[in-house]
Protein backbone atom coordinates (compact mmCIF):
# COMPACT_ATOMS: atom_id res chain seq x y z
CA MET A 1 -181.12 35.52 -10.61
CA THR A 2 -178.89 36.79 -13.47
CA PRO A 3 -180.35 39.59 -15.07
CA LEU A 4 -180.21 39.72 -18.70
CA LEU A 5 -178.67 42.71 -20.60
CA VAL A 6 -181.19 44.84 -22.26
CA ALA A 7 -180.36 47.77 -24.60
CA CYS A 8 -182.39 50.75 -24.33
CA GLY A 9 -184.55 51.58 -27.20
CA SER A 10 -185.14 49.59 -30.31
CA SER A 11 -182.66 46.63 -30.74
CA PRO A 12 -180.91 46.35 -34.09
CA THR A 13 -181.90 43.32 -36.08
CA ALA A 14 -179.59 40.65 -37.51
CA ALA A 15 -180.42 42.27 -41.05
CA THR A 16 -178.41 45.14 -39.94
CA TRP A 17 -175.22 43.05 -40.45
CA PRO A 18 -172.52 42.05 -41.43
CA LYS A 19 -170.83 45.41 -41.55
CA GLY A 20 -167.31 44.23 -41.28
CA ASN A 21 -164.62 43.40 -43.91
CA VAL A 22 -163.37 40.41 -41.95
CA VAL A 23 -166.52 38.30 -41.22
CA PHE A 24 -166.33 35.24 -39.26
CA LYS A 25 -168.54 32.19 -39.78
CA ASP A 26 -169.19 28.91 -38.02
CA VAL A 27 -166.38 27.27 -39.94
CA ASN A 28 -163.77 29.73 -38.36
CA ASN A 29 -164.86 28.98 -34.68
CA TYR A 30 -163.65 26.41 -32.44
CA SER A 31 -165.62 23.38 -31.18
CA SER A 32 -165.34 22.23 -27.61
CA GLN A 33 -166.24 18.91 -25.36
CA THR A 34 -166.81 19.98 -21.99
CA GLY A 35 -168.08 18.43 -18.69
CA LEU A 36 -168.40 19.11 -14.84
CA THR A 37 -167.73 16.41 -12.24
CA ILE A 38 -169.05 18.45 -9.39
CA PRO A 39 -167.87 16.76 -5.79
CA LYS A 40 -170.68 15.60 -3.39
CA VAL A 41 -170.95 16.23 0.13
CA THR A 42 -173.41 14.22 2.35
CA THR A 43 -174.51 16.11 5.51
CA ALA A 44 -177.19 15.98 8.16
CA SER A 45 -180.51 16.87 6.93
CA GLY A 46 -182.04 20.24 8.16
CA ALA A 47 -178.90 20.99 9.88
CA ASP A 48 -177.42 24.80 9.81
CA LEU A 49 -174.36 23.66 8.03
CA MET A 50 -170.86 25.46 8.70
CA ILE A 51 -169.72 26.16 5.29
CA CYS A 52 -165.82 27.11 4.78
CA TRP A 53 -163.86 28.08 1.46
CA ASN A 54 -160.38 28.48 2.97
CA ALA A 55 -159.08 25.25 1.06
CA LEU A 56 -159.82 27.06 -2.38
CA GLN A 57 -156.56 28.04 -4.06
CA ASN A 58 -157.22 27.26 -7.75
CA ASP A 59 -160.18 27.93 -10.09
CA LEU A 60 -161.91 25.71 -12.71
CA LEU A 61 -159.14 26.39 -15.29
CA CYS A 62 -156.41 25.30 -12.61
CA HIS A 63 -155.34 28.89 -12.37
CA PRO A 64 -154.58 30.54 -9.17
CA ILE A 65 -157.78 32.51 -7.54
CA THR A 66 -156.48 36.22 -7.55
CA GLU A 67 -156.98 37.65 -4.06
CA PRO A 68 -159.17 40.55 -4.49
CA ALA A 69 -160.17 43.64 -2.13
CA PRO A 70 -160.83 43.45 0.69
CA ALA A 71 -158.04 41.42 1.63
CA GLY A 72 -158.42 38.15 3.40
CA THR A 73 -161.21 36.87 1.31
CA ASN A 74 -159.17 34.25 -0.43
CA GLY A 75 -160.15 35.12 -3.72
CA ILE A 76 -163.98 34.24 -3.12
CA ASP A 77 -166.46 37.13 -3.16
CA ASN A 78 -169.59 35.36 -2.78
CA VAL A 79 -170.89 31.88 -1.76
CA GLY A 80 -174.30 30.69 -3.31
CA PHE A 81 -176.67 28.12 -1.97
CA ALA A 82 -179.44 26.95 -4.39
CA GLN A 83 -182.29 24.34 -4.09
CA ILE A 84 -183.31 22.99 -7.39
CA ARG A 85 -186.61 20.83 -7.76
CA ASN A 86 -187.16 18.33 -10.33
CA ILE A 87 -183.71 18.40 -11.83
CA PRO A 88 -181.31 15.62 -10.94
CA GLN A 89 -177.57 16.43 -10.14
CA PRO A 90 -176.16 15.16 -13.49
CA ASP A 91 -178.61 17.16 -15.60
CA VAL A 92 -177.74 20.45 -13.65
CA ALA A 93 -173.94 19.91 -14.13
CA ALA A 94 -174.34 19.13 -17.80
CA GLN A 95 -176.41 22.34 -18.17
CA LEU A 96 -173.85 24.45 -16.16
CA ALA A 97 -171.07 23.10 -18.27
CA VAL A 98 -172.37 24.72 -21.54
CA GLY A 99 -173.84 27.73 -19.80
CA GLN A 100 -177.49 26.63 -20.27
CA PHE A 101 -178.71 26.60 -16.64
CA ASP A 102 -181.70 28.53 -16.10
CA ASP A 103 -181.28 30.69 -12.89
CA ASN A 104 -185.11 30.97 -12.35
CA LEU A 105 -185.34 27.21 -11.66
CA ALA A 106 -183.99 27.58 -8.27
CA THR A 107 -186.78 27.52 -5.75
CA VAL A 108 -184.76 28.63 -2.99
CA TYR A 109 -181.57 30.62 -3.32
CA GLY A 110 -179.22 32.50 -0.79
CA ASP A 111 -175.98 34.39 -0.92
CA PHE A 112 -173.15 34.98 1.44
CA TYR A 113 -170.64 37.90 0.82
CA THR A 114 -167.46 36.82 2.15
CA ALA A 115 -166.25 40.30 2.88
CA GLN A 116 -168.58 39.71 6.26
CA ALA A 117 -166.14 36.93 7.20
CA PRO A 118 -162.84 37.69 5.93
CA SER A 119 -160.71 35.96 8.73
CA SER A 120 -162.69 32.92 9.46
CA LYS A 121 -163.57 31.99 5.79
CA CYS A 122 -166.37 30.33 6.85
CA ALA A 123 -170.48 30.99 7.16
CA MET A 124 -173.49 29.30 8.67
CA LEU A 125 -176.17 28.49 6.08
CA SER A 126 -178.71 30.21 7.88
CA GLN A 127 -176.56 33.49 6.95
CA PHE A 128 -177.36 33.19 3.44
CA LYS A 129 -180.03 35.14 2.10
CA LEU A 130 -181.59 36.95 -0.97
CA GLY A 131 -184.25 39.09 0.13
CA GLU A 132 -184.90 36.44 3.17
CA PHE A 133 -182.76 34.08 5.02
CA VAL A 134 -182.31 30.59 3.99
CA VAL A 135 -183.99 28.33 6.74
CA PRO A 136 -182.09 25.03 6.77
CA ALA A 137 -184.89 23.31 8.87
CA THR A 138 -187.12 23.66 5.79
CA ASP A 139 -185.01 24.70 2.72
CA TYR A 140 -182.37 21.89 3.20
CA VAL A 141 -184.08 18.58 4.01
CA GLN A 142 -183.76 15.23 2.56
CA PRO A 143 -186.30 14.59 -0.27
CA ALA A 144 -189.31 12.62 0.61
CA GLY A 145 -190.06 9.46 -1.51
CA THR A 146 -189.09 9.77 -5.23
CA GLN A 147 -188.95 13.56 -5.20
CA THR A 148 -185.85 15.03 -6.87
CA ILE A 149 -183.98 18.07 -5.19
CA THR A 150 -180.65 19.19 -6.06
CA TYR A 151 -178.77 21.25 -3.56
CA MET A 152 -175.37 22.92 -4.43
CA LEU A 153 -173.17 25.38 -3.55
CA VAL A 154 -171.29 27.98 -6.14
CA PHE A 155 -168.17 29.77 -4.82
CA THR A 156 -167.43 32.79 -6.99
CA THR A 157 -165.38 35.90 -7.89
CA GLY A 158 -167.69 38.63 -8.02
CA THR A 159 -171.11 38.82 -6.79
CA THR A 160 -173.38 38.05 -9.90
CA PRO A 161 -174.84 34.60 -9.27
CA ALA A 162 -173.78 31.77 -11.26
CA VAL A 163 -171.14 34.12 -12.82
CA GLY A 164 -167.54 33.82 -11.87
CA ALA A 165 -167.61 30.35 -10.75
CA LYS A 166 -164.24 29.14 -9.13
CA SER A 167 -165.49 25.81 -7.61
CA MET A 168 -168.80 23.95 -6.95
CA LEU A 169 -170.35 21.27 -4.42
CA PHE A 170 -173.51 19.21 -4.61
CA LEU A 171 -175.14 18.81 -1.13
CA GLU A 172 -177.01 15.65 -0.01
CA PRO A 173 -178.93 15.95 3.06
CA SER A 174 -179.55 12.87 4.95
CA THR A 175 -181.38 11.59 8.01
CA THR A 176 -178.59 9.13 8.82
CA SER A 177 -175.71 11.72 8.64
CA THR A 178 -174.12 13.85 11.20
CA VAL A 179 -171.97 15.80 9.26
CA THR A 180 -172.66 19.50 9.89
CA THR A 181 -169.51 21.28 8.29
CA VAL A 182 -168.59 21.55 4.58
CA ASN A 183 -165.42 22.19 3.29
CA ALA A 184 -165.04 23.65 -0.34
CA VAL A 185 -163.13 21.53 -2.66
CA ASP A 186 -160.37 22.97 -4.70
CA ALA A 187 -161.57 22.61 -8.31
CA CYS A 188 -158.33 21.57 -9.67
CA ALA A 189 -157.21 19.23 -6.85
CA ALA A 190 -160.38 17.36 -7.12
CA THR A 191 -160.03 13.80 -8.54
CA PRO A 192 -161.18 14.11 -11.37
CA PRO A 193 -160.75 17.86 -11.71
CA VAL A 194 -164.11 19.42 -11.72
CA LEU A 195 -163.99 20.78 -15.14
CA MET A 196 -163.13 18.71 -18.41
CA PHE A 197 -162.59 20.92 -21.48
CA GLN A 198 -161.15 20.04 -24.74
CA ALA A 199 -161.15 22.59 -27.83
CA THR A 200 -160.56 22.02 -31.61
CA LEU A 201 -159.87 25.17 -33.61
CA GLY A 202 -161.44 25.92 -36.78
CA GLN A 203 -160.37 27.51 -40.20
CA ASP A 204 -158.02 30.33 -39.78
CA MET A 205 -158.94 34.02 -40.64
CA PRO A 206 -156.73 35.88 -43.04
CA ILE A 207 -156.27 39.53 -42.07
CA SER A 208 -154.43 42.52 -43.45
CA LYS A 209 -150.86 42.97 -41.58
CA MET A 210 -150.95 46.67 -41.39
CA ASP A 211 -154.03 48.32 -43.05
CA SER A 212 -156.23 49.31 -40.28
CA SER A 213 -159.00 49.98 -42.81
CA LYS A 214 -159.36 46.29 -43.21
CA TRP A 215 -159.40 45.44 -39.40
CA HIS A 216 -163.26 45.88 -39.18
CA VAL A 217 -164.11 42.30 -37.58
CA ASP A 218 -167.53 40.88 -37.67
CA TRP A 219 -169.12 38.02 -35.94
CA SER A 220 -172.70 38.55 -36.95
CA GLN A 221 -173.04 35.50 -39.38
CA LEU A 222 -172.17 32.99 -36.22
CA THR A 223 -175.20 30.64 -35.88
CA LYS A 224 -173.73 28.86 -32.85
CA ASP A 225 -171.07 28.96 -30.32
CA SER A 226 -168.64 25.96 -29.43
CA PHE A 227 -171.08 24.07 -27.16
CA GLU A 228 -173.54 24.02 -30.41
CA GLN A 229 -175.77 26.67 -28.56
CA GLU A 230 -177.37 29.68 -30.00
CA VAL A 231 -175.00 32.74 -29.78
CA ARG A 232 -176.32 35.21 -27.19
CA PHE A 233 -174.87 38.47 -28.93
CA ASN A 234 -176.47 40.78 -26.55
CA LYS A 235 -174.20 39.40 -23.79
CA ILE A 236 -170.87 39.91 -25.69
CA ASP A 237 -168.84 42.68 -24.10
CA LYS A 238 -165.23 42.43 -25.19
CA VAL A 239 -162.85 41.31 -28.14
CA LEU A 240 -159.35 40.10 -27.36
CA ILE A 241 -156.29 39.88 -29.69
CA GLY A 242 -153.41 38.12 -28.49
CA PHE A 243 -149.98 37.36 -29.74
CA TYR A 244 -148.43 33.98 -28.61
CA GLN A 245 -144.59 34.23 -29.11
CA GLY A 246 -142.83 30.88 -30.14
CA LYS A 247 -146.41 29.22 -30.05
CA THR A 248 -148.35 27.41 -32.81
CA LYS A 249 -152.02 26.89 -33.49
CA ALA A 250 -151.23 23.32 -31.97
CA ASP A 251 -150.09 24.85 -28.90
CA LEU A 252 -152.92 27.07 -28.37
CA GLN A 253 -155.55 24.29 -29.04
CA THR A 254 -153.75 21.90 -26.52
CA ASN A 255 -153.24 24.73 -23.74
CA PHE A 256 -156.77 26.44 -24.59
CA LYS A 257 -157.58 26.92 -21.04
CA ASP A 258 -154.55 29.14 -20.78
CA ILE A 259 -155.20 31.47 -23.77
CA GLU A 260 -155.52 34.73 -21.72
CA ILE A 261 -152.74 34.14 -19.16
CA SER A 262 -150.26 32.59 -21.98
CA ALA A 263 -150.41 35.62 -24.39
CA THR A 264 -147.10 37.30 -24.89
CA THR A 265 -149.15 40.56 -25.47
CA LEU A 266 -153.04 40.85 -25.05
CA TYR A 267 -155.11 43.68 -26.52
CA GLU A 268 -158.77 44.24 -25.76
CA VAL A 269 -161.45 46.41 -27.16
CA PRO A 270 -165.02 46.79 -25.42
CA VAL A 271 -168.23 45.68 -27.33
CA ALA A 272 -171.22 47.89 -26.97
CA ILE A 273 -174.37 45.94 -26.09
CA GLY A 274 -175.98 44.19 -28.89
CA ALA A 275 -172.89 45.14 -31.37
CA ARG A 276 -171.81 42.26 -33.40
CA ASP A 277 -168.55 44.13 -34.90
CA VAL A 278 -165.64 46.18 -33.71
CA MET A 279 -162.54 48.06 -35.24
CA LEU A 280 -159.54 46.32 -33.90
CA GLY A 281 -157.82 49.93 -34.44
CA ASP A 282 -159.56 50.81 -31.24
CA ALA A 283 -157.95 47.90 -29.21
CA LYS A 284 -155.62 48.95 -26.43
CA VAL A 285 -153.07 46.73 -24.53
CA ARG A 286 -154.89 45.12 -21.58
CA ALA A 287 -154.49 47.18 -18.41
CA GLY A 288 -152.70 50.04 -20.43
CA THR A 289 -153.42 52.54 -23.00
CA THR A 290 -150.94 51.53 -25.60
CA ALA A 291 -152.82 51.15 -28.90
CA PHE A 292 -152.76 48.05 -30.92
CA PRO A 293 -149.89 48.65 -33.48
CA GLY A 294 -151.05 46.07 -36.07
CA PHE A 295 -149.74 42.52 -36.46
CA VAL A 296 -146.05 43.47 -36.49
CA GLN A 297 -144.86 40.51 -34.84
CA THR A 298 -144.01 37.38 -36.83
CA ASP A 299 -142.35 34.80 -34.48
CA GLY A 300 -145.39 33.38 -33.15
CA VAL A 301 -149.29 32.98 -33.73
CA TRP A 302 -152.08 35.56 -33.49
CA ALA A 303 -155.39 34.82 -32.17
CA ILE A 304 -158.59 36.70 -31.62
CA ALA A 305 -161.34 35.91 -29.28
CA VAL A 306 -164.84 37.33 -28.74
CA THR A 307 -166.00 37.00 -25.05
CA CYS A 308 -168.93 37.22 -22.52
CA SER A 309 -167.68 38.11 -18.99
CA LYS A 310 -171.11 37.89 -17.65
CA CYS A 311 -171.85 34.29 -19.11
CA GLN A 312 -172.03 31.34 -16.84
CA VAL A 313 -169.13 29.81 -18.67
CA PRO A 314 -165.85 31.75 -19.38
CA ALA A 315 -165.01 30.19 -22.81
CA PRO A 316 -164.98 32.54 -25.64
CA VAL A 317 -167.98 32.63 -27.99
CA LEU A 318 -165.47 32.80 -30.89
CA MET A 319 -161.78 31.94 -30.96
CA THR A 320 -160.04 32.12 -34.17
CA ILE A 321 -156.26 32.11 -35.47
CA LEU A 322 -155.54 35.07 -37.34
CA VAL A 323 -153.23 34.79 -40.27
CA PRO A 324 -151.61 38.44 -41.11
CA GLU A 325 -151.01 38.76 -44.90
């Protein structure tokens, strides 16, 4: 479902790095504890469900869902339906929480682009498709005997399956249920909230305050991400440098889910496919053209994040406090 990013030509090997003079290692990275408690809705087996997302206001991080174009889509661009055989709900949730769910395990999958229904914010399950339409009478039925089938809905911003998830639901078809309408549950309003995430920041990284020749940052020596998973270097696409006025390392750790929206100033630099290093001097203020001026502000804390916008989990691959000196 989600295509891998593949570089053209021969790929550089890990032996090519490190190239930078600020080299991050596992000790500099944060660790995390995470889990998904995905709400469950029991409905009629084989029914052509009406699926609605009008109640969604906040995403998994408890941030407001931004209204994209076209207007009226409630900040949700796509709703995906998946049938997953032989994997129980707790295992699916655990794999999604750390970005390790294999999309190819979905034996039936269908999308519905919400721009098709901007006013109603609802769609019938039979309108979902990926090549072929989902057939509820055969694709959404109560499992026979001891057979394990997990059904789920994923509500996303963007149209890449399993990326940009704002809320999720497990569906359970039952021959004793008469329910045929499914309302998406606001991820933040659910009890408990759908996402549990707690971060512990690692060892700070010293960096030159104003000498841009010493801003060549390199994360090639990372062997794992915060979930103890292998780093997928080819999916990393951006580096963020943020200044947090009046904040401390402890503040960022406590409010880790807000690191992007709480920054006083945020700079970013794109990462070429497969690269494991960038020059911070190439960074520009987010959504602007102002170049990164150096670590001139001292009344707060600086942090750097190495990110992957196309990964299942939006958490940074690397997050470290920078100490200008």
